[in-house]
Amino acid sequence: MTHVYDDFAIEPFEAGRGLWHARIRRADRTPVVINGVSFPSVEVGFAWCDAEKAIADAKNHIDRFRERWS
């Protein structure tokens, strides 16, 4: 299930049983650019015990790095 936060789409996914991570991409599907390098999406965080915690961590990353992700 994808969650929209500001201009970003957050997709939680399970990588192993009970190991939740999050993938961030722009809601309009344009690439995320970090230091001049273009990425279709960015996977962040570490293994959380549930999807909601992975989503909260992704929101934290978006808030912290929004200026760098031109």
N, C-alpha and C. Protein backbone atom coordinates (compact mmCIF):
# COMPACT_ATOMS: atom_id res chain seq x y z
N MET A 1 0.84 -1.16 0.00
CA MET A 1 0.00 0.00 0.00
C MET A 1 0.90 1.24 0.00
N THR A 2 0.65 2.17 -0.88
CA THR A 2 1.44 3.38 -1.02
C THR A 2 0.80 4.52 -0.23
N HIS A 3 1.63 5.26 0.49
CA HIS A 3 1.19 6.42 1.26
C HIS A 3 1.81 7.66 0.63
N VAL A 4 1.04 8.72 0.46
CA VAL A 4 1.55 9.96 -0.11
C VAL A 4 1.84 10.92 1.04
N TYR A 5 3.05 11.48 1.02
CA TYR A 5 3.49 12.44 2.02
C TYR A 5 4.13 13.61 1.28
N ASP A 6 3.51 14.76 1.35
CA ASP A 6 3.93 15.93 0.57
C ASP A 6 3.99 15.53 -0.90
N ASP A 7 5.14 15.66 -1.54
CA ASP A 7 5.27 15.32 -2.96
C ASP A 7 5.89 13.94 -3.17
N PHE A 8 5.89 13.12 -2.15
CA PHE A 8 6.55 11.82 -2.21
C PHE A 8 5.57 10.69 -1.95
N ALA A 9 5.82 9.56 -2.59
CA ALA A 9 5.06 8.34 -2.35
C ALA A 9 5.94 7.40 -1.54
N ILE A 10 5.39 6.85 -0.47
CA ILE A 10 6.12 5.93 0.39
C ILE A 10 5.48 4.56 0.27
N GLU A 11 6.30 3.58 -0.06
CA GLU A 11 5.81 2.21 -0.21
C GLU A 11 6.52 1.32 0.80
N PRO A 12 5.83 0.89 1.86
CA PRO A 12 6.45 -0.05 2.79
C PRO A 12 6.53 -1.44 2.15
N PHE A 13 7.58 -2.17 2.47
CA PHE A 13 7.69 -3.54 1.97
C PHE A 13 8.40 -4.39 2.99
N GLU A 14 8.09 -5.66 2.96
CA GLU A 14 8.66 -6.60 3.91
C GLU A 14 9.81 -7.34 3.23
N ALA A 15 11.00 -7.21 3.78
CA ALA A 15 12.19 -7.88 3.24
C ALA A 15 12.62 -8.93 4.27
N GLY A 16 11.94 -10.02 4.26
CA GLY A 16 12.12 -11.03 5.30
C GLY A 16 10.94 -10.94 6.26
N ARG A 17 10.71 -11.97 6.98
CA ARG A 17 9.52 -12.01 7.85
C ARG A 17 9.66 -11.01 8.99
N GLY A 18 8.74 -10.03 9.01
CA GLY A 18 8.72 -9.03 10.07
C GLY A 18 9.80 -7.98 9.96
N LEU A 19 10.43 -7.85 8.80
CA LEU A 19 11.50 -6.87 8.59
C LEU A 19 11.02 -5.84 7.57
N TRP A 20 10.44 -4.76 8.07
CA TRP A 20 9.82 -3.77 7.21
C TRP A 20 10.77 -2.63 6.87
N HIS A 21 10.76 -2.25 5.61
CA HIS A 21 11.55 -1.15 5.07
C HIS A 21 10.60 -0.25 4.29
N ALA A 22 11.13 0.86 3.77
CA ALA A 22 10.30 1.76 2.97
C ALA A 22 11.04 2.22 1.73
N ARG A 23 10.30 2.35 0.66
CA ARG A 23 10.82 2.87 -0.61
C ARG A 23 10.16 4.23 -0.84
N ILE A 24 11.00 5.23 -1.13
CA ILE A 24 10.49 6.58 -1.37
C ILE A 24 10.70 6.91 -2.84
N ARG A 25 9.68 7.46 -3.45
CA ARG A 25 9.79 7.99 -4.81
C ARG A 25 8.94 9.24 -4.88
N ARG A 26 9.18 10.05 -5.88
CA ARG A 26 8.34 11.23 -6.06
C ARG A 26 6.96 10.78 -6.53
N ALA A 27 5.95 11.45 -6.04
CA ALA A 27 4.57 11.08 -6.38
C ALA A 27 4.32 11.21 -7.87
N ASP A 28 5.00 12.16 -8.54
CA ASP A 28 4.80 12.34 -9.98
C ASP A 28 5.73 11.46 -10.81
N ARG A 29 6.47 10.57 -10.15
CA ARG A 29 7.37 9.59 -10.78
C ARG A 29 8.63 10.21 -11.41
N THR A 30 8.89 11.50 -11.21
CA THR A 30 10.16 12.06 -11.66
C THR A 30 11.25 11.53 -10.74
N PRO A 31 12.48 11.45 -11.21
CA PRO A 31 13.55 10.87 -10.39
C PRO A 31 13.88 11.73 -9.17
N VAL A 32 14.38 11.06 -8.15
CA VAL A 32 14.96 11.72 -6.99
C VAL A 32 16.43 11.94 -7.34
N VAL A 33 16.90 13.17 -7.24
CA VAL A 33 18.28 13.49 -7.60
C VAL A 33 19.05 13.78 -6.32
N ILE A 34 20.11 13.01 -6.10
CA ILE A 34 20.97 13.18 -4.93
C ILE A 34 22.39 13.43 -5.42
N ASN A 35 22.92 14.61 -5.10
CA ASN A 35 24.27 14.98 -5.53
C ASN A 35 24.46 14.79 -7.03
N GLY A 36 23.46 15.15 -7.81
CA GLY A 36 23.55 15.07 -9.26
C GLY A 36 23.28 13.70 -9.85
N VAL A 37 23.01 12.71 -9.00
CA VAL A 37 22.75 11.35 -9.48
C VAL A 37 21.25 11.09 -9.37
N SER A 38 20.67 10.59 -10.45
CA SER A 38 19.23 10.38 -10.55
C SER A 38 18.87 8.94 -10.13
N PHE A 39 17.85 8.84 -9.27
CA PHE A 39 17.36 7.54 -8.82
C PHE A 39 15.85 7.48 -9.02
N PRO A 40 15.32 6.36 -9.51
CA PRO A 40 13.87 6.26 -9.64
C PRO A 40 13.19 6.21 -8.26
N SER A 41 13.89 5.63 -7.28
CA SER A 41 13.38 5.56 -5.91
C SER A 41 14.56 5.40 -4.96
N VAL A 42 14.29 5.61 -3.68
CA VAL A 42 15.32 5.49 -2.65
C VAL A 42 14.75 4.59 -1.56
N GLU A 43 15.51 3.58 -1.16
CA GLU A 43 15.09 2.72 -0.06
C GLU A 43 15.81 3.18 1.20
N VAL A 44 15.05 3.36 2.26
CA VAL A 44 15.62 3.95 3.48
C VAL A 44 15.30 3.13 4.71
N GLY A 45 16.00 3.48 5.77
CA GLY A 45 15.72 2.92 7.08
C GLY A 45 16.35 1.57 7.30
N PHE A 46 16.04 1.04 8.44
CA PHE A 46 16.45 -0.33 8.70
C PHE A 46 15.23 -1.15 9.00
N ALA A 47 15.41 -2.37 9.38
CA ALA A 47 14.29 -3.29 9.54
C ALA A 47 13.44 -2.92 10.75
N TRP A 48 12.23 -2.46 10.47
CA TRP A 48 11.27 -2.14 11.51
C TRP A 48 10.35 -3.33 11.71
N CYS A 49 9.72 -3.40 12.87
CA CYS A 49 8.86 -4.55 13.18
C CYS A 49 7.49 -4.47 12.50
N ASP A 50 7.10 -3.28 12.00
CA ASP A 50 5.84 -3.18 11.28
C ASP A 50 5.90 -2.07 10.23
N ALA A 51 4.95 -2.10 9.34
CA ALA A 51 4.94 -1.17 8.20
C ALA A 51 4.79 0.28 8.66
N GLU A 52 3.98 0.53 9.68
CA GLU A 52 3.76 1.91 10.14
C GLU A 52 5.04 2.56 10.64
N LYS A 53 5.88 1.79 11.30
CA LYS A 53 7.16 2.34 11.77
C LYS A 53 8.09 2.63 10.59
N ALA A 54 8.06 1.80 9.57
CA ALA A 54 8.86 2.04 8.37
C ALA A 54 8.38 3.30 7.66
N ILE A 55 7.07 3.51 7.62
CA ILE A 55 6.51 4.71 6.99
C ILE A 55 6.92 5.96 7.77
N ALA A 56 6.84 5.89 9.10
CA ALA A 56 7.23 7.03 9.93
C ALA A 56 8.71 7.37 9.73
N ASP A 57 9.55 6.35 9.61
CA ASP A 57 10.98 6.57 9.36
C ASP A 57 11.19 7.22 8.00
N ALA A 58 10.44 6.79 7.00
CA ALA A 58 10.55 7.38 5.66
C ALA A 58 10.14 8.85 5.69
N LYS A 59 9.09 9.18 6.42
CA LYS A 59 8.66 10.57 6.54
C LYS A 59 9.76 11.42 7.19
N ASN A 60 10.41 10.86 8.18
CA ASN A 60 11.53 11.54 8.83
C ASN A 60 12.66 11.80 7.84
N HIS A 61 12.98 10.82 7.00
CA HIS A 61 14.01 11.00 5.97
C HIS A 61 13.60 12.09 4.98
N ILE A 62 12.36 12.09 4.57
CA ILE A 62 11.88 13.11 3.63
C ILE A 62 12.04 14.49 4.25
N ASP A 63 11.62 14.65 5.49
CA ASP A 63 11.73 15.94 6.16
C ASP A 63 13.19 16.39 6.29
N ARG A 64 14.08 15.47 6.61
CA ARG A 64 15.49 15.83 6.80
C ARG A 64 16.22 16.13 5.50
N PHE A 65 15.89 15.42 4.42
CA PHE A 65 16.68 15.52 3.19
C PHE A 65 15.96 16.18 2.03
N ARG A 66 14.80 16.74 2.25
CA ARG A 66 14.01 17.34 1.17
C ARG A 66 14.83 18.34 0.35
N GLU A 67 15.59 19.20 1.01
CA GLU A 67 16.38 20.23 0.29
C GLU A 67 17.45 19.60 -0.60
N ARG A 68 18.00 18.49 -0.21
CA ARG A 68 19.04 17.83 -1.02
C ARG A 68 18.47 17.06 -2.21
N TRP A 69 17.23 16.63 -2.09
CA TRP A 69 16.59 15.83 -3.14
C TRP A 69 15.92 16.76 -4.12
N SER A 70 16.71 17.43 -4.93
CA SER A 70 16.18 18.46 -5.86
C SER A 70 15.29 17.89 -6.93
